Amino acid sequence: MRRILFAVLAAMLLGRCTGPADDEGNVAIARKMFEAFNAHQWEAMAGYYNEPASFLDPSLGKAYVDQHRADVVRKYAEMEQLFPDIQDQITGIYPSGDRVVVEFTSTGTMGDSVSFSLPIVTVLTFQDGHIVKDATYYDLENP
């Protein structure tokens, strides 16, 4: 899994096709999306996505799935019900053309007992200032 992620990161960083201004704009949008997540502002967070956007996420299956903003809001509102203190801490952010790779650690506590800390990598693809693809990778078997 780590080799695959490294290969994806390396290929994306070597395959840059737009300038630094595009990279900076996409990184700023990615950071704002994570800020909305950490504030549990699900509608604001969903607003950074295209309508619909394509998601690759183990929680949704093994293939890309189109999701509307309302689906995104519902998913994260339900997650907040389980983990009221859920937060994402960005540990690395790497722009490459129309994509931004974000490394982060997601943490949260269920009630007073069960807590988690999960390293995640997300590849966000941008078009016209919105996220059109969100490919998220994590390993629940070996957190």
N, C-alpha and C. Protein backbone atom coordinates (compact mmCIF):
# COMPACT_ATOMS: atom_id res chain seq x y z
N MET A 1 0.83 -1.19 0.00
CA MET A 1 0.00 0.00 0.00
C MET A 1 0.87 1.25 0.00
N ARG A 2 1.92 1.27 0.84
CA ARG A 2 2.80 2.44 0.90
C ARG A 2 3.53 2.65 -0.42
N ARG A 3 3.94 1.57 -1.08
CA ARG A 3 4.62 1.69 -2.36
C ARG A 3 3.70 2.29 -3.41
N ILE A 4 2.44 1.87 -3.38
CA ILE A 4 1.47 2.41 -4.34
C ILE A 4 1.29 3.91 -4.10
N LEU A 5 1.12 4.30 -2.84
CA LEU A 5 0.94 5.71 -2.52
C LEU A 5 2.17 6.52 -2.91
N PHE A 6 3.35 5.99 -2.65
CA PHE A 6 4.58 6.68 -3.03
C PHE A 6 4.65 6.84 -4.54
N ALA A 7 4.30 5.79 -5.28
CA ALA A 7 4.34 5.86 -6.74
C ALA A 7 3.35 6.89 -7.26
N VAL A 8 2.16 6.96 -6.66
CA VAL A 8 1.16 7.95 -7.07
C VAL A 8 1.68 9.36 -6.80
N LEU A 9 2.21 9.57 -5.61
CA LEU A 9 2.76 10.88 -5.27
C LEU A 9 3.90 11.28 -6.20
N ALA A 10 4.82 10.36 -6.44
CA ALA A 10 5.97 10.65 -7.29
C ALA A 10 5.52 10.98 -8.72
N ALA A 11 4.62 10.20 -9.26
CA ALA A 11 4.14 10.44 -10.62
C ALA A 11 3.45 11.79 -10.73
N MET A 12 2.67 12.13 -9.72
CA MET A 12 1.96 13.40 -9.76
C MET A 12 2.91 14.58 -9.64
N LEU A 13 3.89 14.46 -8.77
CA LEU A 13 4.83 15.55 -8.59
C LEU A 13 5.73 15.73 -9.81
N LEU A 14 6.06 14.64 -10.49
CA LEU A 14 6.90 14.73 -11.68
C LEU A 14 6.11 15.17 -12.90
N GLY A 15 4.80 14.97 -12.89
CA GLY A 15 3.98 15.26 -14.05
C GLY A 15 3.29 16.61 -14.00
N ARG A 16 3.90 17.59 -13.40
CA ARG A 16 3.30 18.91 -13.29
C ARG A 16 2.99 19.49 -14.66
N CYS A 17 1.76 20.04 -14.79
CA CYS A 17 1.41 20.56 -16.11
C CYS A 17 0.84 21.97 -16.06
N THR A 18 0.70 22.59 -14.90
CA THR A 18 0.25 23.96 -14.82
C THR A 18 1.22 24.73 -13.94
N GLY A 19 1.00 26.03 -13.87
CA GLY A 19 1.92 26.88 -13.15
C GLY A 19 1.64 26.99 -11.67
N PRO A 20 2.54 27.68 -10.96
CA PRO A 20 2.44 27.84 -9.52
C PRO A 20 1.16 28.55 -9.08
N ALA A 21 0.64 29.47 -9.89
CA ALA A 21 -0.58 30.19 -9.51
C ALA A 21 -1.75 29.22 -9.38
N ASP A 22 -1.86 28.27 -10.33
CA ASP A 22 -2.92 27.26 -10.24
C ASP A 22 -2.72 26.40 -9.01
N ASP A 23 -1.47 26.00 -8.76
CA ASP A 23 -1.17 25.18 -7.59
C ASP A 23 -1.60 25.90 -6.31
N GLU A 24 -1.25 27.17 -6.20
CA GLU A 24 -1.57 27.94 -4.99
C GLU A 24 -3.07 28.05 -4.80
N GLY A 25 -3.82 28.29 -5.87
CA GLY A 25 -5.27 28.39 -5.77
C GLY A 25 -5.90 27.08 -5.34
N ASN A 26 -5.43 25.97 -5.93
CA ASN A 26 -5.97 24.67 -5.56
C ASN A 26 -5.62 24.31 -4.12
N VAL A 27 -4.41 24.61 -3.70
CA VAL A 27 -4.01 24.34 -2.31
C VAL A 27 -4.87 25.17 -1.35
N ALA A 28 -5.12 26.43 -1.70
CA ALA A 28 -5.95 27.29 -0.84
C ALA A 28 -7.36 26.70 -0.70
N ILE A 29 -7.92 26.21 -1.80
CA ILE A 29 -9.26 25.61 -1.75
C ILE A 29 -9.23 24.34 -0.89
N ALA A 30 -8.20 23.52 -1.08
CA ALA A 30 -8.09 22.29 -0.28
C ALA A 30 -8.00 22.64 1.21
N ARG A 31 -7.20 23.62 1.55
CA ARG A 31 -7.07 24.00 2.96
C ARG A 31 -8.40 24.52 3.52
N LYS A 32 -9.12 25.32 2.73
CA LYS A 32 -10.41 25.84 3.17
C LYS A 32 -11.42 24.70 3.37
N MET A 33 -11.36 23.72 2.50
CA MET A 33 -12.26 22.58 2.64
C MET A 33 -11.98 21.85 3.95
N PHE A 34 -10.69 21.66 4.28
CA PHE A 34 -10.34 21.01 5.54
C PHE A 34 -10.72 21.88 6.75
N GLU A 35 -10.60 23.19 6.62
CA GLU A 35 -11.02 24.09 7.70
C GLU A 35 -12.52 23.94 7.96
N ALA A 36 -13.31 23.86 6.88
CA ALA A 36 -14.76 23.67 7.04
C ALA A 36 -15.04 22.32 7.69
N PHE A 37 -14.28 21.28 7.30
CA PHE A 37 -14.44 19.97 7.93
C PHE A 37 -14.20 20.07 9.43
N ASN A 38 -13.10 20.69 9.81
CA ASN A 38 -12.75 20.77 11.23
C ASN A 38 -13.72 21.63 12.04
N ALA A 39 -14.42 22.54 11.37
CA ALA A 39 -15.44 23.36 12.03
C ALA A 39 -16.80 22.66 11.99
N HIS A 40 -16.84 21.48 11.37
CA HIS A 40 -18.08 20.70 11.22
C HIS A 40 -19.13 21.51 10.46
N GLN A 41 -18.67 22.30 9.51
CA GLN A 41 -19.56 23.06 8.63
C GLN A 41 -19.72 22.27 7.34
N TRP A 42 -20.58 21.27 7.39
CA TRP A 42 -20.67 20.28 6.31
C TRP A 42 -21.16 20.89 5.01
N GLU A 43 -22.10 21.81 5.06
CA GLU A 43 -22.58 22.43 3.82
C GLU A 43 -21.49 23.29 3.19
N ALA A 44 -20.76 24.01 4.00
CA ALA A 44 -19.64 24.81 3.47
C ALA A 44 -18.59 23.89 2.86
N MET A 45 -18.29 22.79 3.56
CA MET A 45 -17.31 21.83 3.04
C MET A 45 -17.78 21.26 1.71
N ALA A 46 -19.04 20.85 1.64
CA ALA A 46 -19.58 20.26 0.42
C ALA A 46 -19.57 21.27 -0.73
N GLY A 47 -19.64 22.55 -0.42
CA GLY A 47 -19.63 23.60 -1.44
C GLY A 47 -18.33 23.68 -2.23
N TYR A 48 -17.27 23.08 -1.73
CA TYR A 48 -16.00 23.08 -2.45
C TYR A 48 -15.97 22.00 -3.54
N TYR A 49 -16.97 21.12 -3.54
CA TYR A 49 -17.05 20.04 -4.52
C TYR A 49 -17.93 20.44 -5.69
N ASN A 50 -17.64 19.87 -6.83
CA ASN A 50 -18.49 20.00 -8.01
C ASN A 50 -19.82 19.31 -7.72
N GLU A 51 -20.82 19.62 -8.50
CA GLU A 51 -22.14 18.99 -8.34
C GLU A 51 -22.48 18.18 -9.57
N PRO A 52 -22.38 16.88 -9.60
CA PRO A 52 -21.82 16.01 -8.56
C PRO A 52 -20.30 15.92 -8.70
N ALA A 53 -19.67 15.27 -7.74
CA ALA A 53 -18.24 14.97 -7.78
C ALA A 53 -18.07 13.46 -7.71
N SER A 54 -16.92 13.00 -8.16
CA SER A 54 -16.62 11.57 -8.18
C SER A 54 -15.73 11.22 -7.00
N PHE A 55 -16.16 10.23 -6.20
CA PHE A 55 -15.44 9.85 -4.99
C PHE A 55 -14.97 8.40 -5.08
N LEU A 56 -13.72 8.19 -4.69
CA LEU A 56 -13.17 6.86 -4.48
C LEU A 56 -12.82 6.81 -3.00
N ASP A 57 -13.58 6.02 -2.24
CA ASP A 57 -13.43 6.00 -0.79
C ASP A 57 -13.80 4.59 -0.32
N PRO A 58 -12.96 3.97 0.49
CA PRO A 58 -13.29 2.63 0.97
C PRO A 58 -14.66 2.53 1.63
N SER A 59 -15.15 3.62 2.20
CA SER A 59 -16.47 3.58 2.85
C SER A 59 -17.60 3.51 1.82
N LEU A 60 -17.28 3.80 0.55
CA LEU A 60 -18.30 3.79 -0.51
C LEU A 60 -18.15 2.61 -1.45
N GLY A 61 -17.13 1.78 -1.24
CA GLY A 61 -16.88 0.64 -2.12
C GLY A 61 -15.52 0.74 -2.78
N LYS A 62 -15.32 -0.06 -3.82
CA LYS A 62 -14.00 -0.14 -4.45
C LYS A 62 -13.91 0.61 -5.79
N ALA A 63 -14.97 1.27 -6.19
CA ALA A 63 -14.97 2.00 -7.46
C ALA A 63 -15.41 3.44 -7.20
N TYR A 64 -15.12 4.31 -8.17
CA TYR A 64 -15.58 5.69 -8.07
C TYR A 64 -17.10 5.73 -8.04
N VAL A 65 -17.63 6.64 -7.20
CA VAL A 65 -19.07 6.82 -7.05
C VAL A 65 -19.35 8.31 -7.15
N ASP A 66 -20.32 8.68 -7.98
CA ASP A 66 -20.73 10.08 -8.03
C ASP A 66 -21.56 10.40 -6.80
N GLN A 67 -21.22 11.52 -6.17
CA GLN A 67 -21.94 11.97 -4.97
C GLN A 67 -22.33 13.43 -5.18
N HIS A 68 -23.52 13.77 -4.74
CA HIS A 68 -23.97 15.15 -4.76
C HIS A 68 -23.58 15.81 -3.45
N ARG A 69 -23.63 17.12 -3.42
CA ARG A 69 -23.27 17.84 -2.19
C ARG A 69 -24.14 17.38 -1.01
N ALA A 70 -25.41 17.12 -1.25
CA ALA A 70 -26.30 16.65 -0.18
C ALA A 70 -25.82 15.31 0.37
N ASP A 71 -25.26 14.45 -0.49
CA ASP A 71 -24.71 13.17 -0.03
C ASP A 71 -23.50 13.40 0.88
N VAL A 72 -22.66 14.37 0.50
CA VAL A 72 -21.48 14.69 1.30
C VAL A 72 -21.91 15.22 2.67
N VAL A 73 -22.86 16.12 2.68
CA VAL A 73 -23.35 16.68 3.94
C VAL A 73 -23.90 15.57 4.82
N ARG A 74 -24.71 14.70 4.26
CA ARG A 74 -25.31 13.61 5.02
C ARG A 74 -24.24 12.67 5.60
N LYS A 75 -23.26 12.30 4.77
CA LYS A 75 -22.21 11.38 5.23
C LYS A 75 -21.46 11.94 6.43
N TYR A 76 -21.05 13.21 6.33
CA TYR A 76 -20.24 13.77 7.41
C TYR A 76 -21.07 14.16 8.62
N ALA A 77 -22.33 14.51 8.44
CA ALA A 77 -23.21 14.76 9.60
C ALA A 77 -23.41 13.46 10.38
N GLU A 78 -23.56 12.35 9.66
CA GLU A 78 -23.69 11.05 10.33
C GLU A 78 -22.39 10.68 11.05
N MET A 79 -21.25 10.99 10.41
CA MET A 79 -19.97 10.70 11.04
C MET A 79 -19.81 11.52 12.32
N GLU A 80 -20.26 12.77 12.27
CA GLU A 80 -20.18 13.63 13.45
C GLU A 80 -21.04 13.09 14.59
N GLN A 81 -22.16 12.46 14.26
CA GLN A 81 -22.99 11.86 15.30
C GLN A 81 -22.24 10.74 16.02
N LEU A 82 -21.45 9.98 15.27
CA LEU A 82 -20.65 8.90 15.87
C LEU A 82 -19.43 9.43 16.60
N PHE A 83 -18.77 10.42 16.00
CA PHE A 83 -17.51 10.97 16.52
C PHE A 83 -17.66 12.49 16.61
N PRO A 84 -18.27 13.01 17.68
CA PRO A 84 -18.57 14.44 17.78
C PRO A 84 -17.34 15.35 17.73
N ASP A 85 -16.17 14.82 18.04
CA ASP A 85 -14.96 15.64 18.06
C ASP A 85 -14.05 15.36 16.86
N ILE A 86 -14.58 14.78 15.80
CA ILE A 86 -13.75 14.40 14.65
C ILE A 86 -13.01 15.62 14.09
N GLN A 87 -11.72 15.40 13.80
CA GLN A 87 -10.85 16.45 13.27
C GLN A 87 -9.85 15.83 12.30
N ASP A 88 -9.41 16.62 11.34
CA ASP A 88 -8.35 16.21 10.41
C ASP A 88 -7.17 17.17 10.55
N GLN A 89 -6.00 16.61 10.77
CA GLN A 89 -4.77 17.41 10.88
C GLN A 89 -3.92 17.15 9.64
N ILE A 90 -3.78 18.17 8.79
CA ILE A 90 -2.96 18.03 7.59
C ILE A 90 -1.50 17.89 8.00
N THR A 91 -0.83 16.86 7.46
CA THR A 91 0.58 16.64 7.74
C THR A 91 1.44 16.89 6.50
N GLY A 92 0.83 16.99 5.34
CA GLY A 92 1.55 17.29 4.11
C GLY A 92 0.56 17.65 3.02
N ILE A 93 0.97 18.58 2.15
CA ILE A 93 0.10 18.97 1.05
C ILE A 93 0.98 19.24 -0.17
N TYR A 94 0.65 18.58 -1.28
CA TYR A 94 1.52 18.56 -2.45
C TYR A 94 0.73 18.87 -3.72
N PRO A 95 0.88 20.07 -4.26
CA PRO A 95 0.16 20.42 -5.49
C PRO A 95 0.86 19.87 -6.72
N SER A 96 0.05 19.53 -7.72
CA SER A 96 0.60 19.06 -9.00
C SER A 96 -0.44 19.30 -10.09
N GLY A 97 -0.34 20.43 -10.73
CA GLY A 97 -1.27 20.74 -11.80
C GLY A 97 -2.68 20.87 -11.28
N ASP A 98 -3.59 20.06 -11.84
CA ASP A 98 -4.99 20.13 -11.43
C ASP A 98 -5.28 19.27 -10.20
N ARG A 99 -4.23 18.73 -9.59
CA ARG A 99 -4.42 17.86 -8.42
C ARG A 99 -3.66 18.39 -7.21
N VAL A 100 -4.21 18.05 -6.05
CA VAL A 100 -3.53 18.32 -4.78
C VAL A 100 -3.60 17.03 -3.97
N VAL A 101 -2.43 16.55 -3.55
CA VAL A 101 -2.36 15.38 -2.69
C VAL A 101 -2.26 15.89 -1.25
N VAL A 102 -3.14 15.39 -0.39
CA VAL A 102 -3.17 15.83 1.00
C VAL A 102 -2.96 14.61 1.89
N GLU A 103 -1.93 14.67 2.72
CA GLU A 103 -1.72 13.67 3.77
C GLU A 103 -2.29 14.27 5.05
N PHE A 104 -3.05 13.48 5.78
CA PHE A 104 -3.59 13.98 7.03
C PHE A 104 -3.88 12.83 7.97
N THR A 105 -4.09 13.19 9.23
CA THR A 105 -4.48 12.22 10.24
C THR A 105 -5.85 12.63 10.76
N SER A 106 -6.78 11.69 10.67
CA SER A 106 -8.12 11.92 11.17
C SER A 106 -8.22 11.31 12.57
N THR A 107 -8.78 12.07 13.51
CA THR A 107 -8.94 11.59 14.88
C THR A 107 -10.35 11.87 15.37
N GLY A 108 -10.77 11.08 16.32
CA GLY A 108 -12.08 11.30 16.91
C GLY A 108 -12.33 10.33 18.04
N THR A 109 -13.38 10.61 18.81
CA THR A 109 -13.75 9.77 19.94
C THR A 109 -15.25 9.49 19.88
N MET A 110 -15.60 8.22 20.07
CA MET A 110 -17.01 7.82 20.12
C MET A 110 -17.42 7.79 21.58
N GLY A 111 -18.33 8.69 21.93
CA GLY A 111 -18.74 8.75 23.33
C GLY A 111 -17.55 9.06 24.22
N ASP A 112 -17.41 8.29 25.28
CA ASP A 112 -16.30 8.49 26.21
C ASP A 112 -15.23 7.41 26.09
N SER A 113 -15.39 6.49 25.11
CA SER A 113 -14.51 5.34 25.16
C SER A 113 -13.69 5.09 23.90
N VAL A 114 -14.30 4.88 22.78
CA VAL A 114 -13.58 4.44 21.58
C VAL A 114 -13.03 5.64 20.83
N SER A 115 -11.71 5.66 20.66
CA SER A 115 -11.09 6.73 19.89
C SER A 115 -10.30 6.13 18.74
N PHE A 116 -10.02 6.95 17.74
CA PHE A 116 -9.22 6.49 16.61
C PHE A 116 -8.27 7.58 16.16
N SER A 117 -7.22 7.16 15.51
CA SER A 117 -6.26 8.04 14.84
C SER A 117 -5.87 7.31 13.56
N LEU A 118 -6.26 7.88 12.42
CA LEU A 118 -6.13 7.18 11.15
C LEU A 118 -5.39 8.03 10.13
N PRO A 119 -4.20 7.57 9.67
CA PRO A 119 -3.50 8.29 8.60
C PRO A 119 -4.22 8.06 7.27
N ILE A 120 -4.38 9.15 6.50
CA ILE A 120 -5.14 9.10 5.25
C ILE A 120 -4.39 9.91 4.19
N VAL A 121 -4.50 9.49 2.95
CA VAL A 121 -4.02 10.26 1.80
C VAL A 121 -5.21 10.48 0.88
N THR A 122 -5.40 11.72 0.46
CA THR A 122 -6.47 12.06 -0.47
C THR A 122 -5.88 12.78 -1.67
N VAL A 123 -6.31 12.38 -2.85
CA VAL A 123 -5.91 13.05 -4.09
C VAL A 123 -7.14 13.80 -4.59
N LEU A 124 -7.06 15.12 -4.55
CA LEU A 124 -8.16 15.97 -5.00
C LEU A 124 -7.86 16.47 -6.40
N THR A 125 -8.81 16.34 -7.31
CA THR A 125 -8.67 16.83 -8.68
C THR A 125 -9.60 18.03 -8.84
N PHE A 126 -9.06 19.14 -9.36
CA PHE A 126 -9.80 20.39 -9.46
C PHE A 126 -10.13 20.73 -10.91
N GLN A 127 -11.28 21.39 -11.07
CA GLN A 127 -11.66 21.95 -12.36
C GLN A 127 -12.50 23.19 -12.07
N ASP A 128 -12.10 24.30 -12.63
CA ASP A 128 -12.84 25.57 -12.47
C ASP A 128 -13.10 25.91 -11.00
N GLY A 129 -12.11 25.67 -10.15
CA GLY A 129 -12.21 26.07 -8.75
C GLY A 129 -13.01 25.14 -7.85
N HIS A 130 -13.40 23.98 -8.38
CA HIS A 130 -14.13 23.01 -7.56
C HIS A 130 -13.44 21.65 -7.63
N ILE A 131 -13.66 20.85 -6.60
CA ILE A 131 -13.12 19.49 -6.57
C ILE A 131 -14.07 18.62 -7.38
N VAL A 132 -13.53 17.99 -8.43
CA VAL A 132 -14.35 17.12 -9.28
C VAL A 132 -14.12 15.65 -8.97
N LYS A 133 -12.96 15.34 -8.36
CA LYS A 133 -12.64 13.97 -7.96
C LYS A 133 -11.96 14.01 -6.60
N ASP A 134 -12.33 13.05 -5.76
CA ASP A 134 -11.74 12.91 -4.44
C ASP A 134 -11.43 11.42 -4.26
N ALA A 135 -10.15 11.09 -4.39
CA ALA A 135 -9.71 9.69 -4.22
C ALA A 135 -9.01 9.59 -2.87
N THR A 136 -9.64 8.87 -1.95
CA THR A 136 -9.16 8.78 -0.57
C THR A 136 -8.67 7.37 -0.29
N TYR A 137 -7.49 7.30 0.34
CA TYR A 137 -6.86 6.01 0.62
C TYR A 137 -6.51 5.91 2.11
N TYR A 138 -6.97 4.84 2.73
CA TYR A 138 -6.61 4.54 4.11
C TYR A 138 -6.76 3.05 4.33
N ASP A 139 -6.13 2.57 5.38
CA ASP A 139 -6.10 1.16 5.68
C ASP A 139 -6.69 0.93 7.07
N LEU A 140 -7.90 0.44 7.13
CA LEU A 140 -8.54 0.20 8.43
C LEU A 140 -7.99 -1.03 9.14
N GLU A 141 -7.32 -1.92 8.39
CA GLU A 141 -6.81 -3.14 8.99
C GLU A 141 -5.48 -2.92 9.71
N ASN A 142 -4.73 -1.91 9.31
CA ASN A 142 -3.44 -1.62 9.92
C ASN A 142 -3.28 -0.13 10.19
N PRO A 143 -4.13 0.45 11.04
CA PRO A 143 -4.05 1.91 11.29
C PRO A 143 -2.80 2.31 12.03
